[in-house]
PDB file of N, CA and C in Angstrom:
ATOM      1  N   MET A   1      -6.005 -93.049  57.004  1.00  0.00           N
ATOM      2  CA  MET A   1      -4.914 -93.580  56.225  1.00  0.00           C
ATOM      3  C   MET A   1      -3.741 -92.606  56.287  1.00  0.00           C
ATOM      4  N   LYS A   2      -2.570 -93.131  56.510  1.00  0.00           N
ATOM      5  CA  LYS A   2      -1.372 -92.302  56.564  1.00  0.00           C
ATOM      6  C   LYS A   2      -0.824 -92.102  55.158  1.00  0.00           C
ATOM      7  N   LEU A   3      -0.600 -90.846  54.786  1.00  0.00           N
ATOM      8  CA  LEU A   3      -0.154 -90.510  53.437  1.00  0.00           C
ATOM      9  C   LEU A   3       1.104 -89.659  53.444  1.00  0.00           C
ATOM     10  N   GLY A   4       1.967 -89.805  54.429  1.00  0.00           N
ATOM     11  CA  GLY A   4       3.199 -89.036  54.477  1.00  0.00           C
ATOM     12  C   GLY A   4       3.221 -88.091  55.660  1.00  0.00           C
ATOM     13  N   THR A   5       4.170 -87.181  55.645  1.00  0.00           N
ATOM     14  CA  THR A   5       4.355 -86.211  56.712  1.00  0.00           C
ATOM     15  C   THR A   5       3.072 -85.440  56.983  1.00  0.00           C
ATOM     16  N   PHE A   6       2.694 -85.279  58.221  1.00  0.00           N
ATOM     17  CA  PHE A   6       1.538 -84.505  58.684  1.00  0.00           C
ATOM     18  C   PHE A   6       0.187 -85.145  58.338  1.00  0.00           C
ATOM     19  N   SER A   7       0.151 -86.372  57.829  1.00  0.00           N
ATOM     20  CA  SER A   7      -1.114 -86.941  57.353  1.00  0.00           C
ATOM     21  C   SER A   7      -2.116 -87.212  58.475  1.00  0.00           C
ATOM     22  N   TYR A   8      -1.670 -87.243  59.706  1.00  0.00           N
ATOM     23  CA  TYR A   8      -2.563 -87.473  60.828  1.00  0.00           C
ATOM     24  C   TYR A   8      -3.212 -86.174  61.311  1.00  0.00           C
ATOM     25  N   LEU A   9      -2.827 -85.047  60.736  1.00  0.00           N
ATOM     26  CA  LEU A   9      -3.363 -83.742  61.113  1.00  0.00           C
ATOM     27  C   LEU A   9      -4.455 -83.309  60.151  1.00  0.00           C
ATOM     28  N   PRO A  10      -5.276 -82.338  60.532  1.00  0.00           N
ATOM     29  CA  PRO A  10      -6.259 -81.788  59.585  1.00  0.00           C
ATOM     30  C   PRO A  10      -5.549 -81.162  58.387  1.00  0.00           C
ATOM     31  N   GLU A  11      -6.277 -80.970  57.295  1.00  0.00           N
ATOM     32  CA  GLU A  11      -5.699 -80.366  56.098  1.00  0.00           C
ATOM     33  C   GLU A  11      -5.090 -79.003  56.438  1.00  0.00           C
ATOM     34  N   MET A  12      -3.946 -78.720  55.834  1.00  0.00           N
ATOM     35  CA  MET A  12      -3.242 -77.473  56.114  1.00  0.00           C
ATOM     36  C   MET A  12      -3.953 -76.278  55.490  1.00  0.00           C
ATOM     37  N   THR A  13      -3.839 -75.144  56.150  1.00  0.00           N
ATOM     38  CA  THR A  13      -4.355 -73.893  55.607  1.00  0.00           C
ATOM     39  C   THR A  13      -3.387 -73.405  54.534  1.00  0.00           C
ATOM     40  N   PRO A  14      -3.810 -72.471  53.677  1.00  0.00           N
ATOM     41  CA  PRO A  14      -2.876 -71.920  52.683  1.00  0.00           C
ATOM     42  C   PRO A  14      -1.611 -71.321  53.319  1.00  0.00           C
ATOM     43  N   GLN A  15      -1.748 -70.714  54.481  1.00  0.00           N
ATOM     44  CA  GLN A  15      -0.577 -70.137  55.155  1.00  0.00           C
ATOM     45  C   GLN A  15       0.390 -71.237  55.611  1.00  0.00           C
ATOM     46  N   GLN A  16      -0.149 -72.348  56.082  1.00  0.00           N
ATOM     47  CA  GLN A  16       0.695 -73.455  56.509  1.00  0.00           C
ATOM     48  C   GLN A  16       1.397 -74.111  55.309  1.00  0.00           C
ATOM     49  N   VAL A  17       0.693 -74.230  54.195  1.00  0.00           N
ATOM     50  CA  VAL A  17       1.302 -74.774  52.982  1.00  0.00           C
ATOM     51  C   VAL A  17       2.445 -73.862  52.537  1.00  0.00           C
ATOM     52  N   ARG A  18       2.203 -72.555  52.577  1.00  0.00           N
ATOM     53  CA  ARG A  18       3.245 -71.588  52.201  1.00  0.00           C
ATOM     54  C   ARG A  18       4.485 -71.764  53.078  1.00  0.00           C
ATOM     55  N   LYS A  19       4.298 -71.919  54.372  1.00  0.00           N
ATOM     56  CA  LYS A  19       5.432 -72.103  55.293  1.00  0.00           C
ATOM     57  C   LYS A  19       6.223 -73.360  54.935  1.00  0.00           C
ATOM     58  N   GLN A  20       5.531 -74.424  54.560  1.00  0.00           N
ATOM     59  CA  GLN A  20       6.212 -75.660  54.182  1.00  0.00           C
ATOM     60  C   GLN A  20       7.010 -75.465  52.885  1.00  0.00           C
ATOM     61  N   VAL A  21       6.427 -74.751  51.917  1.00  0.00           N
ATOM     62  CA  VAL A  21       7.137 -74.475  50.666  1.00  0.00           C
ATOM     63  C   VAL A  21       8.345 -73.582  50.941  1.00  0.00           C
ATOM     64  N   GLU A  22       8.195 -72.598  51.814  1.00  0.00           N
ATOM     65  CA  GLU A  22       9.327 -71.745  52.185  1.00  0.00           C
ATOM     66  C   GLU A  22      10.446 -72.574  52.805  1.00  0.00           C
ATOM     67  N   TYR A  23      10.089 -73.535  53.628  1.00  0.00           N
ATOM     68  CA  TYR A  23      11.071 -74.423  54.251  1.00  0.00           C
ATOM     69  C   TYR A  23      11.814 -75.238  53.185  1.00  0.00           C
ATOM     70  N   VAL A  24      11.059 -75.792  52.236  1.00  0.00           N
ATOM     71  CA  VAL A  24      11.642 -76.584  51.151  1.00  0.00           C
ATOM     72  C   VAL A  24      12.640 -75.735  50.357  1.00  0.00           C
ATOM     73  N   VAL A  25      12.233 -74.521  50.000  1.00  0.00           N
ATOM     74  CA  VAL A  25      13.098 -73.628  49.220  1.00  0.00           C
ATOM     75  C   VAL A  25      14.331 -73.233  50.033  1.00  0.00           C
ATOM     76  N   ALA A  26      14.156 -72.929  51.311  1.00  0.00           N
ATOM     77  CA  ALA A  26      15.279 -72.521  52.160  1.00  0.00           C
ATOM     78  C   ALA A  26      16.327 -73.624  52.289  1.00  0.00           C
ATOM     79  N   ARG A  27      15.903 -74.871  52.229  1.00  0.00           N
ATOM     80  CA  ARG A  27      16.837 -75.999  52.335  1.00  0.00           C
ATOM     81  C   ARG A  27      17.484 -76.342  51.001  1.00  0.00           C
ATOM     82  N   GLY A  28      17.012 -75.708  49.919  1.00  0.00           N
ATOM     83  CA  GLY A  28      17.580 -75.982  48.608  1.00  0.00           C
ATOM     84  C   GLY A  28      17.074 -77.269  47.982  1.00  0.00           C
ATOM     85  N   TRP A  29      15.949 -77.767  48.480  1.00  0.00           N
ATOM     86  CA  TRP A  29      15.384 -79.003  47.957  1.00  0.00           C
ATOM     87  C   TRP A  29      14.607 -78.712  46.674  1.00  0.00           C
ATOM     88  N   ASN A  30      14.449 -79.726  45.833  1.00  0.00           N
ATOM     89  CA  ASN A  30      13.705 -79.598  44.581  1.00  0.00           C
ATOM     90  C   ASN A  30      12.274 -80.075  44.784  1.00  0.00           C
ATOM     91  N   ALA A  31      11.337 -79.182  44.515  1.00  0.00           N
ATOM     92  CA  ALA A  31       9.918 -79.495  44.712  1.00  0.00           C
ATOM     93  C   ALA A  31       9.355 -80.252  43.517  1.00  0.00           C
ATOM     94  N   ALA A  32       8.432 -81.154  43.811  1.00  0.00           N
ATOM     95  CA  ALA A  32       7.665 -81.854  42.787  1.00  0.00           C
ATOM     96  C   ALA A  32       6.238 -81.970  43.306  1.00  0.00           C
ATOM     97  N   ILE A  33       5.293 -81.996  42.385  1.00  0.00           N
ATOM     98  CA  ILE A  33       3.883 -82.083  42.756  1.00  0.00           C
ATOM     99  C   ILE A  33       3.321 -83.356  42.153  1.00  0.00           C
ATOM    100  N   GLU A  34       2.581 -84.115  42.966  1.00  0.00           N
ATOM    101  CA  GLU A  34       1.976 -85.369  42.527  1.00  0.00           C
ATOM    102  C   GLU A  34       0.494 -85.360  42.868  1.00  0.00           C
ATOM    103  N   HIS A  35      -0.266 -86.197  42.162  1.00  0.00           N
ATOM    104  CA  HIS A  35      -1.702 -86.314  42.434  1.00  0.00           C
ATOM    105  C   HIS A  35      -2.153 -87.740  42.194  1.00  0.00           C
ATOM    106  N   VAL A  36      -3.256 -88.127  42.845  1.00  0.00           N
ATOM    107  CA  VAL A  36      -3.807 -89.473  42.700  1.00  0.00           C
ATOM    108  C   VAL A  36      -5.273 -89.462  43.114  1.00  0.00           C
ATOM    109  N   GLU A  37      -6.042 -90.415  42.573  1.00  0.00           N
ATOM    110  CA  GLU A  37      -7.432 -90.583  42.988  1.00  0.00           C
ATOM    111  C   GLU A  37      -7.454 -91.032  44.451  1.00  0.00           C
ATOM    112  N   PRO A  38      -8.394 -90.528  45.258  1.00  0.00           N
ATOM    113  CA  PRO A  38      -8.421 -90.895  46.678  1.00  0.00           C
ATOM    114  C   PRO A  38      -8.461 -92.406  46.925  1.00  0.00           C
ATOM    115  N   GLU A  39      -9.170 -93.144  46.088  1.00  0.00           N
ATOM    116  CA  GLU A  39      -9.265 -94.594  46.295  1.00  0.00           C
ATOM    117  C   GLU A  39      -7.956 -95.324  45.962  1.00  0.00           C
ATOM    118  N   GLN A  40      -7.016 -94.641  45.306  1.00  0.00           N
ATOM    119  CA  GLN A  40      -5.716 -95.228  44.975  1.00  0.00           C
ATOM    120  C   GLN A  40      -4.581 -94.645  45.824  1.00  0.00           C
ATOM    121  N   ALA A  41      -4.929 -93.892  46.851  1.00  0.00           N
ATOM    122  CA  ALA A  41      -3.922 -93.163  47.630  1.00  0.00           C
ATOM    123  C   ALA A  41      -2.904 -94.071  48.314  1.00  0.00           C
ATOM    124  N   ALA A  42      -3.279 -95.305  48.627  1.00  0.00           N
ATOM    125  CA  ALA A  42      -2.346 -96.212  49.293  1.00  0.00           C
ATOM    126  C   ALA A  42      -1.324 -96.787  48.318  1.00  0.00           C
ATOM    127  N   SER A  43      -1.539 -96.571  47.037  1.00  0.00           N
ATOM    128  CA  SER A  43      -0.608 -97.057  46.021  1.00  0.00           C
ATOM    129  C   SER A  43       0.732 -96.347  46.156  1.00  0.00           C
ATOM    130  N   THR A  44       1.786 -97.023  45.783  1.00  0.00           N
ATOM    131  CA  THR A  44       3.102 -96.395  45.838  1.00  0.00           C
ATOM    132  C   THR A  44       3.334 -95.476  44.656  1.00  0.00           C
ATOM    133  N   TYR A  45       2.479 -95.561  43.638  1.00  0.00           N
ATOM    134  CA  TYR A  45       2.642 -94.729  42.448  1.00  0.00           C
ATOM    135  C   TYR A  45       1.599 -93.622  42.415  1.00  0.00           C
ATOM    136  N   TRP A  46       2.043 -92.376  42.415  1.00  0.00           N
ATOM    137  CA  TRP A  46       1.182 -91.217  42.230  1.00  0.00           C
ATOM    138  C   TRP A  46       1.588 -90.579  40.903  1.00  0.00           C
ATOM    139  N   TYR A  47       0.652 -89.921  40.237  1.00  0.00           N
ATOM    140  CA  TYR A  47       0.948 -89.257  38.970  1.00  0.00           C
ATOM    141  C   TYR A  47       1.734 -87.976  39.223  1.00  0.00           C
ATOM    142  N   MET A  48       2.788 -87.761  38.439  1.00  0.00           N
ATOM    143  CA  MET A  48       3.570 -86.542  38.601  1.00  0.00           C
ATOM    144  C   MET A  48       2.925 -85.419  37.797  1.00  0.00           C
ATOM    145  N   TRP A  49       2.811 -84.270  38.408  1.00  0.00           N
ATOM    146  CA  TRP A  49       2.320 -83.064  37.741  1.00  0.00           C
ATOM    147  C   TRP A  49       3.526 -82.380  37.114  1.00  0.00           C
ATOM    148  N   LYS A  50       3.632 -82.433  35.822  1.00  0.00           N
ATOM    149  CA  LYS A  50       4.768 -81.881  35.086  1.00  0.00           C
ATOM    150  C   LYS A  50       6.066 -82.521  35.579  1.00  0.00           C
ATOM    151  N   LEU A  51       7.192 -81.851  35.398  1.00  0.00           N
ATOM    152  CA  LEU A  51       8.475 -82.355  35.876  1.00  0.00           C
ATOM    153  C   LEU A  51       8.793 -81.735  37.234  1.00  0.00           C
ATOM    154  N   PRO A  52       9.690 -82.356  38.015  1.00  0.00           N
ATOM    155  CA  PRO A  52      10.109 -81.705  39.260  1.00  0.00           C
ATOM    156  C   PRO A  52      10.658 -80.315  38.953  1.00  0.00           C
ATOM    157  N   MET A  53      10.519 -79.423  39.883  1.00  0.00           N
ATOM    158  CA  MET A  53      10.926 -78.030  39.693  1.00  0.00           C
ATOM    159  C   MET A  53      12.373 -77.853  40.156  1.00  0.00           C
ATOM    160  N   PHE A  54      13.293 -78.448  39.390  1.00  0.00           N
ATOM    161  CA  PHE A  54      14.711 -78.433  39.742  1.00  0.00           C
ATOM    162  C   PHE A  54      15.244 -77.006  39.876  1.00  0.00           C
ATOM    163  N   GLY A  55      15.821 -76.722  41.042  1.00  0.00           N
ATOM    164  CA  GLY A  55      16.457 -75.434  41.269  1.00  0.00           C
ATOM    165  C   GLY A  55      15.512 -74.261  41.448  1.00  0.00           C
ATOM    166  N   GLU A  56      14.220 -74.507  41.540  1.00  0.00           N
ATOM    167  CA  GLU A  56      13.260 -73.402  41.684  1.00  0.00           C
ATOM    168  C   GLU A  56      13.404 -72.764  43.062  1.00  0.00           C
ATOM    169  N   LYS A  57      13.582 -71.454  43.073  1.00  0.00           N
ATOM    170  CA  LYS A  57      13.756 -70.719  44.322  1.00  0.00           C
ATOM    171  C   LYS A  57      12.580 -69.798  44.623  1.00  0.00           C
ATOM    172  N   SER A  58      11.597 -69.772  43.745  1.00  0.00           N
ATOM    173  CA  SER A  58      10.445 -68.905  43.939  1.00  0.00           C
ATOM    174  C   SER A  58       9.298 -69.672  44.602  1.00  0.00           C
ATOM    175  N   VAL A  59       8.984 -69.264  45.812  1.00  0.00           N
ATOM    176  CA  VAL A  59       7.853 -69.856  46.529  1.00  0.00           C
ATOM    177  C   VAL A  59       6.567 -69.625  45.737  1.00  0.00           C
ATOM    178  N   GLU A  60       6.431 -68.446  45.145  1.00  0.00           N
ATOM    179  CA  GLU A  60       5.230 -68.111  44.380  1.00  0.00           C
ATOM    180  C   GLU A  60       5.038 -69.040  43.178  1.00  0.00           C
ATOM    181  N   ARG A  61       6.111 -69.356  42.475  1.00  0.00           N
ATOM    182  CA  ARG A  61       5.998 -70.251  41.313  1.00  0.00           C
ATOM    183  C   ARG A  61       5.585 -71.653  41.735  1.00  0.00           C
ATOM    184  N   ILE A  62       6.145 -72.127  42.826  1.00  0.00           N
ATOM    185  CA  ILE A  62       5.784 -73.460  43.323  1.00  0.00           C
ATOM    186  C   ILE A  62       4.319 -73.479  43.739  1.00  0.00           C
ATOM    187  N   LEU A  63       3.894 -72.451  44.476  1.00  0.00           N
ATOM    188  CA  LEU A  63       2.500 -72.387  44.898  1.00  0.00           C
ATOM    189  C   LEU A  63       1.550 -72.251  43.706  1.00  0.00           C
ATOM    190  N   ALA A  64       1.973 -71.548  42.659  1.00  0.00           N
ATOM    191  CA  ALA A  64       1.155 -71.421  41.447  1.00  0.00           C
ATOM    192  C   ALA A  64       0.980 -72.784  40.782  1.00  0.00           C
ATOM    193  N   GLU A  65       2.026 -73.600  40.756  1.00  0.00           N
ATOM    194  CA  GLU A  65       1.912 -74.942  40.180  1.00  0.00           C
ATOM    195  C   GLU A  65       1.034 -75.842  41.039  1.00  0.00           C
ATOM    196  N   VAL A  66       1.138 -75.695  42.350  1.00  0.00           N
ATOM    197  CA  VAL A  66       0.258 -76.449  43.254  1.00  0.00           C
ATOM    198  C   VAL A  66      -1.194 -76.103  42.961  1.00  0.00           C
ATOM    199  N   GLU A  67      -1.482 -74.817  42.827  1.00  0.00           N
ATOM    200  CA  GLU A  67      -2.856 -74.377  42.558  1.00  0.00           C
ATOM    201  C   GLU A  67      -3.327 -74.861  41.187  1.00  0.00           C
ATOM    202  N   ALA A  68      -2.465 -74.842  40.194  1.00  0.00           N
ATOM    203  CA  ALA A  68      -2.828 -75.332  38.863  1.00  0.00           C
ATOM    204  C   ALA A  68      -3.171 -76.817  38.915  1.00  0.00           C
ATOM    205  N   CYS A  69      -2.414 -77.583  39.659  1.00  0.00           N
ATOM    206  CA  CYS A  69      -2.690 -79.005  39.809  1.00  0.00           C
ATOM    207  C   CYS A  69      -4.010 -79.228  40.542  1.00  0.00           C
ATOM    208  N   ARG A  70      -4.242 -78.462  41.580  1.00  0.00           N
ATOM    209  CA  ARG A  70      -5.504 -78.579  42.331  1.00  0.00           C
ATOM    210  C   ARG A  70      -6.707 -78.282  41.444  1.00  0.00           C
ATOM    211  N   LYS A  71      -6.593 -77.253  40.607  1.00  0.00           N
ATOM    212  CA  LYS A  71      -7.699 -76.893  39.710  1.00  0.00           C
ATOM    213  C   LYS A  71      -7.920 -77.968  38.652  1.00  0.00           C
ATOM    214  N   ALA A  72      -6.846 -78.497  38.109  1.00  0.00           N
ATOM    215  CA  ALA A  72      -6.955 -79.505  37.059  1.00  0.00           C
ATOM    216  C   ALA A  72      -7.444 -80.847  37.600  1.00  0.00           C
ATOM    217  N   HIS A  73      -7.154 -81.129  38.869  1.00  0.00           N
ATOM    218  CA  HIS A  73      -7.502 -82.419  39.476  1.00  0.00           C
ATOM    219  C   HIS A  73      -8.158 -82.194  40.835  1.00  0.00           C
ATOM    220  N   SER A  74      -9.254 -81.455  40.852  1.00  0.00           N
ATOM    221  CA  SER A  74      -9.872 -81.047  42.115  1.00  0.00           C
ATOM    222  C   SER A  74     -10.366 -82.212  42.967  1.00  0.00           C
ATOM    223  N   GLY A  75     -10.696 -83.328  42.362  1.00  0.00           N
ATOM    224  CA  GLY A  75     -11.199 -84.465  43.124  1.00  0.00           C
ATOM    225  C   GLY A  75     -10.110 -85.406  43.614  1.00  0.00           C
ATOM    226  N   ARG A  76      -8.873 -85.079  43.362  1.00  0.00           N
ATOM    227  CA  ARG A  76      -7.758 -85.956  43.726  1.00  0.00           C
ATOM    228  C   ARG A  76      -6.945 -85.396  44.889  1.00  0.00           C
ATOM    229  N   HIS A  77      -6.198 -86.295  45.526  1.00  0.00           N
ATOM    230  CA  HIS A  77      -5.221 -85.860  46.522  1.00  0.00           C
ATOM    231  C   HIS A  77      -4.050 -85.227  45.779  1.00  0.00           C
ATOM    232  N   VAL A  78      -3.512 -84.160  46.342  1.00  0.00           N
ATOM    233  CA  VAL A  78      -2.332 -83.502  45.776  1.00  0.00           C
ATOM    234  C   VAL A  78      -1.246 -83.523  46.850  1.00  0.00           C
ATOM    235  N   ARG A  79      -0.066 -83.930  46.440  1.00  0.00           N
ATOM    236  CA  ARG A  79       1.050 -84.085  47.376  1.00  0.00           C
ATOM    237  C   ARG A  79       2.240 -83.254  46.910  1.00  0.00           C
ATOM    238  N   LEU A  80       2.898 -82.595  47.848  1.00  0.00           N
ATOM    239  CA  LEU A  80       4.150 -81.885  47.598  1.00  0.00           C
ATOM    240  C   LEU A  80       5.287 -82.790  48.062  1.00  0.00           C
ATOM    241  N   VAL A  81       6.216 -83.048  47.164  1.00  0.00           N
ATOM    242  CA  VAL A  81       7.390 -83.852  47.476  1.00  0.00           C
ATOM    243  C   VAL A  81       8.613 -82.961  47.279  1.00  0.00           C
ATOM    244  N   ALA A  82       9.579 -83.077  48.170  1.00  0.00           N
ATOM    245  CA  ALA A  82      10.809 -82.289  48.041  1.00  0.00           C
ATOM    246  C   ALA A  82      11.997 -83.234  48.100  1.00  0.00           C
ATOM    247  N   TYR A  83      12.839 -83.142  47.075  1.00  0.00           N
ATOM    248  CA  TYR A  83      14.001 -84.017  46.967  1.00  0.00           C
ATOM    249  C   TYR A  83      15.261 -83.311  47.455  1.00  0.00           C
ATOM    250  N   ASP A  84      16.005 -84.007  48.292  1.00  0.00           N
ATOM    251  CA  ASP A  84      17.250 -83.506  48.859  1.00  0.00           C
ATOM    252  C   ASP A  84      18.403 -83.997  47.984  1.00  0.00           C
ATOM    253  N   ASN A  85      19.044 -83.080  47.248  1.00  0.00           N
ATOM    254  CA  ASN A  85      20.148 -83.453  46.359  1.00  0.00           C
ATOM    255  C   ASN A  85      21.328 -84.051  47.111  1.00  0.00           C
ATOM    256  N   ALA A  86      21.657 -83.500  48.262  1.00  0.00           N
ATOM    257  CA  ALA A  86      22.841 -83.939  48.993  1.00  0.00           C
ATOM    258  C   ALA A  86      22.696 -85.388  49.471  1.00  0.00           C
ATOM    259  N   ARG A  87      21.530 -85.733  49.943  1.00  0.00           N
ATOM    260  CA  ARG A  87      21.312 -87.090  50.470  1.00  0.00           C
ATOM    261  C   ARG A  87      20.723 -88.045  49.436  1.00  0.00           C
ATOM    262  N   GLN A  88      20.348 -87.519  48.266  1.00  0.00           N
ATOM    263  CA  GLN A  88      19.782 -88.334  47.192  1.00  0.00           C
ATOM    264  C   GLN A  88      18.537 -89.090  47.662  1.00  0.00           C
ATOM    265  N   THR A  89      17.641 -88.359  48.323  1.00  0.00           N
ATOM    266  CA  THR A  89      16.415 -88.956  48.842  1.00  0.00           C
ATOM    267  C   THR A  89      15.349 -87.880  48.962  1.00  0.00           C
ATOM    268  N   GLN A  90      14.149 -88.283  49.355  1.00  0.00           N
ATOM    269  CA  GLN A  90      13.106 -87.298  49.617  1.00  0.00           C
ATOM    270  C   GLN A  90      13.395 -86.610  50.943  1.00  0.00           C
ATOM    271  N   GLY A  91      13.320 -85.282  50.932  1.00  0.00           N
ATOM    272  CA  GLY A  91      13.447 -84.530  52.169  1.00  0.00           C
ATOM    273  C   GLY A  91      12.130 -84.537  52.927  1.00  0.00           C
ATOM    274  N   THR A  92      11.034 -84.463  52.164  1.00  0.00           N
ATOM    275  CA  THR A  92       9.699 -84.500  52.755  1.00  0.00           C
ATOM    276  C   THR A  92       8.682 -84.844  51.676  1.00  0.00           C
ATOM    277  N   ALA A  93       7.539 -85.302  52.111  1.00  0.00           N
ATOM    278  CA  ALA A  93       6.401 -85.549  51.226  1.00  0.00           C
ATOM    279  C   ALA A  93       5.151 -85.340  52.072  1.00  0.00           C
ATOM    280  N   MET A  94       4.253 -84.488  51.596  1.00  0.00           N
ATOM    281  CA  MET A  94       3.051 -84.202  52.389  1.00  0.00           C
ATOM    282  C   MET A  94       1.856 -83.951  51.484  1.00  0.00           C
ATOM    283  N   VAL A  95       0.708 -84.452  51.895  1.00  0.00           N
ATOM    284  CA  VAL A  95      -0.529 -84.193  51.166  1.00  0.00           C
ATOM    285  C   VAL A  95      -0.968 -82.783  51.525  1.00  0.00           C
ATOM    286  N   ILE A  96      -1.159 -81.953  50.498  1.00  0.00           N
ATOM    287  CA  ILE A  96      -1.541 -80.566  50.754  1.00  0.00           C
ATOM    288  C   ILE A  96      -2.954 -80.260  50.272  1.00  0.00           C
ATOM    289  N   HIS A  97      -3.602 -81.242  49.636  1.00  0.00           N
ATOM    290  CA  HIS A  97      -5.015 -81.141  49.266  1.00  0.00           C
ATOM    291  C   HIS A  97      -5.583 -82.545  49.253  1.00  0.00           C
ATOM    292  N   ARG A  98      -6.684 -82.714  49.954  1.00  0.00           N
ATOM    293  CA  ARG A  98      -7.335 -84.022  49.995  1.00  0.00           C
ATOM    294  C   ARG A  98      -8.578 -84.000  49.122  1.00  0.00           C
ATOM    295  N   GLY A  99      -8.608 -84.878  48.138  1.00  0.00           N
ATOM    296  CA  GLY A  99      -9.779 -85.006  47.274  1.00  0.00           C
ATOM    297  C   GLY A  99     -10.854 -85.831  47.972  1.00  0.00           C
ATOM    298  N   LYS A 100     -12.023 -85.834  47.393  1.00  0.00           N
ATOM    299  CA  LYS A 100     -13.141 -86.591  47.957  1.00  0.00           C
ATOM    300  C   LYS A 100     -13.248 -87.939  47.263  1.00  0.00           C
ATOM    301  N   ALA A 101     -13.360 -89.017  48.035  1.00  0.00           N
ATOM    302  CA  ALA A 101     -13.511 -90.346  47.457  1.00  0.00           C
ATOM    303  C   ALA A 101     -14.886 -90.465  46.804  1.00  0.00           C
ATOM    304  N   VAL A 102     -14.914 -91.183  45.696  1.00  0.00           N
ATOM    305  CA  VAL A 102     -16.163 -91.352  44.948  1.00  0.00           C
ATOM    306  C   VAL A 102     -17.019 -92.410  45.572  1.00  0.00           C
TER     307      VAL A 102
END
């Protein structure tokens, strides 16, 4: 099932996730973290983890929130979404943790 950017590839390593977050921050995009049950992954609605991290420039803070979401929802897919203010659209969206279907 295709779930956004890179979904046809194996799950990213922590170093690869870090590189993607660094890219998001370097472009000035606003990061948001979402999660959903694996059986609902094709749905257009994913649950938002807290509010989008508007203006966050710390890669470490974003990664800490990703890890907090993963711990709180270990059986769910976790997705990083980055919003591009200039174009008023998503710059990217990628699944960075794949949960196990029940």
